[in-house]
Amino acid sequence: MTLSTLLVEDDQDLADSICEYLRLKSVSVEHANNGPEGLRLASTNHYDVLLLDLMLPGLDGLSLCRELRSQGIKTPVLMLTARDTLDDKVAGFTAGSDDYLVKPFALEELTVRVHSLARWHSGQIRTLEVGDLRLDLDNQQAWRQQQPLKLSLPVLSCWKF
């Protein structure tokens, strides 16, 4: 299955490079060069991942992301921006972004993040492992060092996605 993405980026050279690279990696890409066009496309079409620049003509990336979330659009959003301060990143996540990538970035990293966001959103990842801790999201069970953990009901209820 080919992933479908929307890139909203006003730098045409960068957009061309991203689109060409993603297509070489079997990722379908549509491109909008301003915020209003990005909003129109994201509101009317289905995409697996949205790639949003922050500084866009007509409607900035933060406002675009907030508007999509207010419409109930849950498509994963990856912010692409030169803004690299902690405040900038917090603003991106507060607006509803799922990930944040600072320019300049490696196209390979962008591709990996796109695939990762699509997997999470599609629900393909159902088991999480960190060190010796394993969580089974489908069966709401946990293990540490391969020993089952007893969990209280309030903990289990937060696992529902």
N, C-alpha and C. Protein backbone atom coordinates (compact mmCIF):
# COMPACT_ATOMS: atom_id res chain seq x y z
N MET A 1 0.84 -1.18 0.00
CA MET A 1 0.00 0.00 0.00
C MET A 1 0.88 1.25 0.00
N THR A 2 0.62 2.16 -0.89
CA THR A 2 1.37 3.41 -0.98
C THR A 2 0.81 4.41 0.02
N LEU A 3 1.69 5.08 0.72
CA LEU A 3 1.28 6.13 1.64
C LEU A 3 0.93 7.37 0.84
N SER A 4 -0.07 8.09 1.32
CA SER A 4 -0.51 9.31 0.68
C SER A 4 -0.21 10.49 1.60
N THR A 5 0.53 11.48 1.09
CA THR A 5 0.88 12.63 1.90
C THR A 5 0.50 13.93 1.19
N LEU A 6 0.31 14.95 2.00
CA LEU A 6 0.14 16.31 1.50
C LEU A 6 1.27 17.14 2.07
N LEU A 7 2.02 17.79 1.20
CA LEU A 7 3.09 18.70 1.60
C LEU A 7 2.60 20.13 1.37
N VAL A 8 2.59 20.93 2.43
CA VAL A 8 2.23 22.34 2.32
C VAL A 8 3.51 23.13 2.61
N GLU A 9 4.14 23.61 1.54
CA GLU A 9 5.45 24.25 1.60
C GLU A 9 5.53 25.31 0.52
N ASP A 10 5.92 26.55 0.90
CA ASP A 10 5.97 27.63 -0.08
C ASP A 10 7.31 27.76 -0.78
N ASP A 11 8.35 27.12 -0.28
CA ASP A 11 9.66 27.14 -0.96
C ASP A 11 9.61 26.07 -2.06
N GLN A 12 9.48 26.52 -3.30
CA GLN A 12 9.26 25.59 -4.42
C GLN A 12 10.43 24.63 -4.61
N ASP A 13 11.67 25.11 -4.45
CA ASP A 13 12.83 24.23 -4.63
C ASP A 13 12.83 23.12 -3.58
N LEU A 14 12.57 23.49 -2.34
CA LEU A 14 12.52 22.49 -1.27
C LEU A 14 11.36 21.53 -1.51
N ALA A 15 10.21 22.06 -1.88
CA ALA A 15 9.05 21.21 -2.14
C ALA A 15 9.34 20.21 -3.26
N ASP A 16 9.98 20.68 -4.32
CA ASP A 16 10.33 19.78 -5.43
C ASP A 16 11.25 18.66 -4.96
N SER A 17 12.24 19.00 -4.14
CA SER A 17 13.18 18.00 -3.62
C SER A 17 12.46 16.97 -2.75
N ILE A 18 11.62 17.46 -1.85
CA ILE A 18 10.88 16.56 -0.95
C ILE A 18 9.96 15.65 -1.76
N CYS A 19 9.20 16.23 -2.67
CA CYS A 19 8.27 15.43 -3.48
C CYS A 19 9.00 14.37 -4.29
N GLU A 20 10.08 14.76 -4.93
CA GLU A 20 10.84 13.81 -5.75
C GLU A 20 11.38 12.67 -4.89
N TYR A 21 11.94 13.00 -3.74
CA TYR A 21 12.53 11.97 -2.87
C TYR A 21 11.45 11.03 -2.34
N LEU A 22 10.35 11.59 -1.85
CA LEU A 22 9.29 10.73 -1.31
C LEU A 22 8.72 9.82 -2.39
N ARG A 23 8.56 10.34 -3.59
CA ARG A 23 8.04 9.51 -4.69
C ARG A 23 9.01 8.37 -5.02
N LEU A 24 10.31 8.65 -4.94
CA LEU A 24 11.30 7.59 -5.15
C LEU A 24 11.18 6.50 -4.08
N LYS A 25 10.68 6.88 -2.91
CA LYS A 25 10.49 5.95 -1.81
C LYS A 25 9.06 5.40 -1.76
N SER A 26 8.35 5.52 -2.88
CA SER A 26 6.98 4.99 -3.03
C SER A 26 5.96 5.65 -2.11
N VAL A 27 6.15 6.94 -1.85
CA VAL A 27 5.19 7.72 -1.08
C VAL A 27 4.52 8.69 -2.05
N SER A 28 3.20 8.63 -2.12
CA SER A 28 2.44 9.54 -2.97
C SER A 28 2.41 10.93 -2.31
N VAL A 29 2.64 11.98 -3.11
CA VAL A 29 2.69 13.33 -2.55
C VAL A 29 1.87 14.30 -3.40
N GLU A 30 1.03 15.06 -2.72
CA GLU A 30 0.39 16.23 -3.34
C GLU A 30 1.04 17.44 -2.69
N HIS A 31 1.07 18.56 -3.42
CA HIS A 31 1.75 19.75 -2.91
C HIS A 31 0.83 20.97 -3.01
N ALA A 32 0.83 21.74 -1.94
CA ALA A 32 0.18 23.05 -1.92
C ALA A 32 1.25 24.06 -1.50
N ASN A 33 1.25 25.24 -2.13
CA ASN A 33 2.29 26.21 -1.81
C ASN A 33 1.83 27.35 -0.90
N ASN A 34 0.62 27.22 -0.33
CA ASN A 34 0.14 28.24 0.61
C ASN A 34 -0.85 27.60 1.58
N GLY A 35 -1.10 28.30 2.68
CA GLY A 35 -1.96 27.77 3.72
C GLY A 35 -3.40 27.52 3.30
N PRO A 36 -4.07 28.47 2.64
CA PRO A 36 -5.46 28.23 2.25
C PRO A 36 -5.62 27.03 1.31
N GLU A 37 -4.70 26.87 0.37
CA GLU A 37 -4.78 25.71 -0.54
C GLU A 37 -4.53 24.41 0.23
N GLY A 38 -3.58 24.45 1.16
CA GLY A 38 -3.33 23.29 2.01
C GLY A 38 -4.54 22.92 2.83
N LEU A 39 -5.21 23.91 3.39
CA LEU A 39 -6.43 23.67 4.17
C LEU A 39 -7.51 23.05 3.30
N ARG A 40 -7.69 23.58 2.10
CA ARG A 40 -8.70 23.04 1.19
C ARG A 40 -8.42 21.57 0.88
N LEU A 41 -7.19 21.27 0.50
CA LEU A 41 -6.84 19.89 0.15
C LEU A 41 -6.96 18.95 1.34
N ALA A 42 -6.44 19.38 2.50
CA ALA A 42 -6.47 18.52 3.69
C ALA A 42 -7.90 18.30 4.19
N SER A 43 -8.77 19.27 3.94
CA SER A 43 -10.16 19.16 4.39
C SER A 43 -11.02 18.30 3.46
N THR A 44 -10.61 18.16 2.21
CA THR A 44 -11.45 17.45 1.24
C THR A 44 -10.91 16.11 0.77
N ASN A 45 -9.62 15.86 1.00
CA ASN A 45 -9.01 14.61 0.55
C ASN A 45 -8.50 13.80 1.74
N HIS A 46 -8.30 12.50 1.51
CA HIS A 46 -7.72 11.65 2.56
C HIS A 46 -6.21 11.55 2.34
N TYR A 47 -5.46 11.76 3.42
CA TYR A 47 -4.01 11.59 3.40
C TYR A 47 -3.63 10.77 4.63
N ASP A 48 -2.54 10.03 4.51
CA ASP A 48 -2.02 9.29 5.65
C ASP A 48 -1.22 10.20 6.58
N VAL A 49 -0.55 11.20 6.01
CA VAL A 49 0.28 12.14 6.78
C VAL A 49 0.24 13.50 6.10
N LEU A 50 0.23 14.56 6.93
CA LEU A 50 0.32 15.93 6.43
C LEU A 50 1.67 16.51 6.84
N LEU A 51 2.34 17.16 5.89
CA LEU A 51 3.63 17.81 6.14
C LEU A 51 3.41 19.31 6.00
N LEU A 52 3.53 20.05 7.09
CA LEU A 52 3.21 21.48 7.09
C LEU A 52 4.41 22.33 7.44
N ASP A 53 4.73 23.28 6.57
CA ASP A 53 5.68 24.33 6.90
C ASP A 53 4.98 25.27 7.87
N LEU A 54 5.73 25.97 8.71
CA LEU A 54 5.10 26.91 9.63
C LEU A 54 4.84 28.26 8.99
N MET A 55 5.81 28.77 8.26
CA MET A 55 5.67 30.11 7.68
C MET A 55 5.16 29.98 6.25
N LEU A 56 3.84 30.12 6.11
CA LEU A 56 3.17 29.97 4.82
C LEU A 56 2.40 31.24 4.48
N PRO A 57 2.29 31.56 3.21
CA PRO A 57 1.45 32.70 2.82
C PRO A 57 -0.03 32.38 3.01
N GLY A 58 -0.77 33.37 3.45
CA GLY A 58 -2.22 33.25 3.55
C GLY A 58 -2.73 32.65 4.84
N LEU A 59 -2.07 31.64 5.36
CA LEU A 59 -2.47 30.97 6.60
C LEU A 59 -1.25 30.20 7.08
N ASP A 60 -0.71 30.58 8.25
CA ASP A 60 0.51 29.92 8.72
C ASP A 60 0.21 28.48 9.15
N GLY A 61 1.28 27.69 9.27
CA GLY A 61 1.14 26.27 9.57
C GLY A 61 0.48 25.98 10.91
N LEU A 62 0.74 26.81 11.92
CA LEU A 62 0.10 26.61 13.23
C LEU A 62 -1.40 26.80 13.11
N SER A 63 -1.82 27.88 12.46
CA SER A 63 -3.26 28.14 12.29
C SER A 63 -3.90 27.07 11.44
N LEU A 64 -3.21 26.62 10.42
CA LEU A 64 -3.71 25.55 9.56
C LEU A 64 -3.92 24.28 10.37
N CYS A 65 -2.95 23.92 11.19
CA CYS A 65 -3.06 22.72 12.01
C CYS A 65 -4.21 22.84 13.00
N ARG A 66 -4.32 23.99 13.66
CA ARG A 66 -5.42 24.21 14.61
C ARG A 66 -6.78 24.09 13.92
N GLU A 67 -6.89 24.65 12.72
CA GLU A 67 -8.15 24.59 11.98
C GLU A 67 -8.51 23.15 11.62
N LEU A 68 -7.52 22.39 11.17
CA LEU A 68 -7.78 20.98 10.83
C LEU A 68 -8.25 20.21 12.06
N ARG A 69 -7.60 20.43 13.18
CA ARG A 69 -8.00 19.74 14.41
C ARG A 69 -9.40 20.16 14.84
N SER A 70 -9.73 21.44 14.67
CA SER A 70 -11.07 21.91 15.05
C SER A 70 -12.15 21.30 14.15
N GLN A 71 -11.77 20.92 12.93
CA GLN A 71 -12.70 20.25 12.02
C GLN A 71 -12.80 18.75 12.32
N GLY A 72 -12.02 18.27 13.27
CA GLY A 72 -12.04 16.85 13.61
C GLY A 72 -11.14 16.00 12.75
N ILE A 73 -10.28 16.62 11.97
CA ILE A 73 -9.34 15.88 11.12
C ILE A 73 -8.17 15.41 11.98
N LYS A 74 -8.01 14.10 12.06
CA LYS A 74 -7.01 13.51 12.95
C LYS A 74 -5.77 13.00 12.21
N THR A 75 -5.66 13.30 10.94
CA THR A 75 -4.50 12.88 10.16
C THR A 75 -3.23 13.36 10.84
N PRO A 76 -2.22 12.48 10.99
CA PRO A 76 -0.98 12.91 11.64
C PRO A 76 -0.34 14.08 10.90
N VAL A 77 0.17 15.03 11.69
CA VAL A 77 0.81 16.23 11.15
C VAL A 77 2.27 16.26 11.58
N LEU A 78 3.14 16.45 10.60
CA LEU A 78 4.57 16.65 10.84
C LEU A 78 4.90 18.07 10.43
N MET A 79 5.31 18.89 11.40
CA MET A 79 5.70 20.27 11.11
C MET A 79 7.12 20.28 10.58
N LEU A 80 7.35 21.00 9.49
CA LEU A 80 8.67 21.19 8.90
C LEU A 80 8.99 22.67 8.98
N THR A 81 10.03 23.04 9.73
CA THR A 81 10.28 24.46 9.92
C THR A 81 11.72 24.76 10.30
N ALA A 82 12.14 25.98 10.04
CA ALA A 82 13.45 26.44 10.48
C ALA A 82 13.41 26.94 11.92
N ARG A 83 12.22 27.11 12.45
CA ARG A 83 12.08 27.57 13.84
C ARG A 83 12.45 26.43 14.78
N ASP A 84 13.50 26.66 15.58
CA ASP A 84 14.05 25.55 16.35
C ASP A 84 14.11 25.75 17.86
N THR A 85 13.46 26.80 18.37
CA THR A 85 13.49 26.99 19.82
C THR A 85 12.47 26.08 20.50
N LEU A 86 12.65 25.88 21.78
CA LEU A 86 11.72 25.08 22.54
C LEU A 86 10.31 25.69 22.47
N ASP A 87 10.21 27.01 22.56
CA ASP A 87 8.90 27.66 22.46
C ASP A 87 8.23 27.37 21.13
N ASP A 88 9.01 27.37 20.05
CA ASP A 88 8.46 27.07 18.73
C ASP A 88 7.92 25.64 18.68
N LYS A 89 8.68 24.71 19.23
CA LYS A 89 8.26 23.31 19.23
C LYS A 89 7.02 23.11 20.08
N VAL A 90 6.99 23.74 21.24
CA VAL A 90 5.81 23.65 22.12
C VAL A 90 4.59 24.22 21.40
N ALA A 91 4.76 25.33 20.71
CA ALA A 91 3.64 25.93 19.97
C ALA A 91 3.14 24.97 18.89
N GLY A 92 4.07 24.28 18.21
CA GLY A 92 3.66 23.31 17.19
C GLY A 92 2.86 22.17 17.76
N PHE A 93 3.33 21.60 18.86
CA PHE A 93 2.60 20.48 19.48
C PHE A 93 1.28 20.95 20.08
N THR A 94 1.27 22.15 20.65
CA THR A 94 0.04 22.70 21.22
C THR A 94 -1.01 22.93 20.14
N ALA A 95 -0.58 23.28 18.95
CA ALA A 95 -1.50 23.51 17.83
C ALA A 95 -2.09 22.19 17.30
N GLY A 96 -1.49 21.06 17.68
CA GLY A 96 -2.03 19.78 17.25
C GLY A 96 -1.09 18.94 16.41
N SER A 97 0.16 19.38 16.27
CA SER A 97 1.13 18.61 15.50
C SER A 97 1.50 17.33 16.24
N ASP A 98 1.82 16.29 15.47
CA ASP A 98 2.23 15.01 16.06
C ASP A 98 3.74 14.86 16.08
N ASP A 99 4.44 15.61 15.26
CA ASP A 99 5.89 15.54 15.19
C ASP A 99 6.40 16.87 14.66
N TYR A 100 7.69 17.11 14.82
CA TYR A 100 8.29 18.40 14.50
C TYR A 100 9.68 18.14 13.99
N LEU A 101 10.00 18.61 12.80
CA LEU A 101 11.31 18.39 12.19
C LEU A 101 11.89 19.73 11.77
N VAL A 102 13.10 20.03 12.27
CA VAL A 102 13.73 21.32 12.03
C VAL A 102 14.55 21.27 10.73
N LYS A 103 14.37 22.31 9.91
CA LYS A 103 15.15 22.47 8.68
C LYS A 103 16.53 23.02 9.02
N PRO A 104 17.55 22.63 8.34
CA PRO A 104 17.56 21.61 7.29
C PRO A 104 17.52 20.21 7.92
N PHE A 105 16.95 19.28 7.19
CA PHE A 105 16.83 17.91 7.67
C PHE A 105 17.23 16.95 6.56
N ALA A 106 17.55 15.74 6.94
CA ALA A 106 17.89 14.71 5.97
C ALA A 106 16.59 14.14 5.41
N LEU A 107 16.51 14.00 4.11
CA LEU A 107 15.30 13.46 3.48
C LEU A 107 15.01 12.03 3.94
N GLU A 108 16.05 11.29 4.24
CA GLU A 108 15.84 9.93 4.76
C GLU A 108 15.13 9.97 6.12
N GLU A 109 15.50 10.92 6.98
CA GLU A 109 14.83 11.05 8.27
C GLU A 109 13.37 11.44 8.07
N LEU A 110 13.11 12.36 7.16
CA LEU A 110 11.73 12.74 6.87
C LEU A 110 10.91 11.52 6.46
N THR A 111 11.47 10.71 5.58
CA THR A 111 10.77 9.52 5.10
C THR A 111 10.48 8.55 6.23
N VAL A 112 11.44 8.33 7.10
CA VAL A 112 11.24 7.43 8.24
C VAL A 112 10.15 7.96 9.16
N ARG A 113 10.14 9.26 9.40
CA ARG A 113 9.11 9.85 10.26
C ARG A 113 7.72 9.75 9.62
N VAL A 114 7.63 9.94 8.32
CA VAL A 114 6.35 9.81 7.62
C VAL A 114 5.81 8.39 7.79
N HIS A 115 6.65 7.40 7.57
CA HIS A 115 6.22 6.01 7.73
C HIS A 115 5.83 5.71 9.17
N SER A 116 6.58 6.22 10.12
CA SER A 116 6.29 5.99 11.53
C SER A 116 4.93 6.60 11.92
N LEU A 117 4.69 7.84 11.51
CA LEU A 117 3.41 8.49 11.82
C LEU A 117 2.24 7.73 11.20
N ALA A 118 2.43 7.28 9.98
CA ALA A 118 1.35 6.53 9.31
C ALA A 118 1.07 5.23 10.02
N ARG A 119 2.11 4.54 10.49
CA ARG A 119 1.91 3.28 11.23
C ARG A 119 1.15 3.52 12.52
N TRP A 120 1.56 4.53 13.28
CA TRP A 120 0.88 4.83 14.54
C TRP A 120 -0.59 5.15 14.29
N HIS A 121 -0.84 5.97 13.32
CA HIS A 121 -2.21 6.40 13.04
C HIS A 121 -3.08 5.26 12.56
N SER A 122 -2.49 4.35 11.81
CA SER A 122 -3.28 3.23 11.27
C SER A 122 -3.54 2.16 12.32
N GLY A 123 -2.86 2.25 13.44
CA GLY A 123 -3.06 1.26 14.49
C GLY A 123 -2.24 0.00 14.29
N GLN A 124 -1.28 0.01 13.37
CA GLN A 124 -0.47 -1.17 13.15
C GLN A 124 0.40 -1.50 14.36
N ILE A 125 0.83 -0.48 15.08
CA ILE A 125 1.67 -0.73 16.25
C ILE A 125 0.75 -0.98 17.43
N ARG A 126 0.75 -2.20 17.91
CA ARG A 126 -0.14 -2.58 19.00
C ARG A 126 0.63 -3.09 20.22
N THR A 127 1.95 -3.25 20.10
CA THR A 127 2.78 -3.67 21.22
C THR A 127 3.94 -2.68 21.35
N LEU A 128 4.14 -2.19 22.55
CA LEU A 128 5.22 -1.25 22.82
C LEU A 128 6.24 -1.93 23.72
N GLU A 129 7.52 -1.74 23.41
CA GLU A 129 8.58 -2.31 24.23
C GLU A 129 9.62 -1.25 24.52
N VAL A 130 9.95 -1.11 25.81
CA VAL A 130 11.01 -0.21 26.26
C VAL A 130 11.81 -0.97 27.30
N GLY A 131 13.05 -1.25 26.96
CA GLY A 131 13.88 -2.04 27.88
C GLY A 131 13.21 -3.38 28.16
N ASP A 132 13.01 -3.67 29.43
CA ASP A 132 12.38 -4.95 29.80
C ASP A 132 10.87 -4.82 30.02
N LEU A 133 10.29 -3.67 29.67
CA LEU A 133 8.85 -3.45 29.81
C LEU A 133 8.16 -3.65 28.46
N ARG A 134 7.08 -4.43 28.44
CA ARG A 134 6.33 -4.66 27.22
C ARG A 134 4.84 -4.42 27.51
N LEU A 135 4.18 -3.64 26.64
CA LEU A 135 2.76 -3.35 26.77
C LEU A 135 2.03 -3.88 25.55
N ASP A 136 1.01 -4.67 25.77
CA ASP A 136 0.16 -5.19 24.70
C ASP A 136 -1.11 -4.35 24.71
N LEU A 137 -1.25 -3.45 23.73
CA LEU A 137 -2.37 -2.52 23.70
C LEU A 137 -3.70 -3.20 23.39
N ASP A 138 -3.67 -4.25 22.58
CA ASP A 138 -4.90 -4.95 22.24
C ASP A 138 -5.49 -5.68 23.43
N ASN A 139 -4.64 -6.36 24.19
CA ASN A 139 -5.11 -7.18 25.32
C ASN A 139 -4.98 -6.48 26.65
N GLN A 140 -4.48 -5.25 26.63
CA GLN A 140 -4.30 -4.43 27.83
C GLN A 140 -3.56 -5.20 28.92
N GLN A 141 -2.38 -5.70 28.54
CA GLN A 141 -1.53 -6.43 29.48
C GLN A 141 -0.13 -5.83 29.44
N ALA A 142 0.59 -6.04 30.56
CA ALA A 142 1.96 -5.54 30.65
C ALA A 142 2.86 -6.60 31.29
N TRP A 143 4.13 -6.58 30.87
CA TRP A 143 5.13 -7.49 31.43
C TRP A 143 6.41 -6.71 31.69
N ARG A 144 7.09 -7.07 32.77
CA ARG A 144 8.43 -6.57 33.03
C ARG A 144 9.30 -7.79 33.28
N GLN A 145 10.41 -7.85 32.58
CA GLN A 145 11.32 -9.01 32.63
C GLN A 145 10.54 -10.30 32.39
N GLN A 146 9.64 -10.26 31.42
CA GLN A 146 8.81 -11.39 30.98
C GLN A 146 7.86 -11.90 32.06
N GLN A 147 7.65 -11.12 33.12
CA GLN A 147 6.70 -11.48 34.18
C GLN A 147 5.48 -10.56 34.06
N PRO A 148 4.28 -11.15 34.08
CA PRO A 148 3.08 -10.31 33.96
C PRO A 148 2.97 -9.32 35.13
N LEU A 149 2.49 -8.15 34.82
CA LEU A 149 2.26 -7.12 35.84
C LEU A 149 0.77 -7.02 36.10
N LYS A 150 0.40 -6.82 37.34
CA LYS A 150 -0.99 -6.58 37.69
C LYS A 150 -1.23 -5.08 37.58
N LEU A 151 -2.23 -4.72 36.80
CA LEU A 151 -2.55 -3.32 36.59
C LEU A 151 -3.95 -3.04 37.08
N SER A 152 -4.13 -1.86 37.67
CA SER A 152 -5.47 -1.48 38.12
C SER A 152 -6.28 -0.96 36.94
N LEU A 153 -7.58 -1.01 37.04
CA LEU A 153 -8.47 -0.62 35.96
C LEU A 153 -8.23 0.80 35.46
N PRO A 154 -7.99 1.82 36.32
CA PRO A 154 -7.74 3.17 35.80
C PRO A 154 -6.54 3.23 34.86
N VAL A 155 -5.51 2.46 35.11
CA VAL A 155 -4.35 2.45 34.22
C VAL A 155 -4.74 1.87 32.87
N LEU A 156 -5.51 0.79 32.88
CA LEU A 156 -5.91 0.14 31.64
C LEU A 156 -6.79 1.03 30.79
N SER A 157 -7.64 1.84 31.40
CA SER A 157 -8.58 2.64 30.62
C SER A 157 -7.88 3.69 29.77
N CYS A 158 -6.67 4.11 30.14
CA CYS A 158 -5.98 5.14 29.37
C CYS A 158 -5.32 4.55 28.12
N TRP A 159 -5.32 3.22 27.96
CA TRP A 159 -4.70 2.60 26.81
C TRP A 159 -5.58 2.59 25.58
N LYS A 160 -6.82 2.97 25.71
CA LYS A 160 -7.73 2.91 24.57
C LYS A 160 -7.43 4.04 23.61
N PHE A 161 -7.17 3.70 22.35
CA PHE A 161 -6.83 4.70 21.34
C PHE A 161 -7.99 4.94 20.43
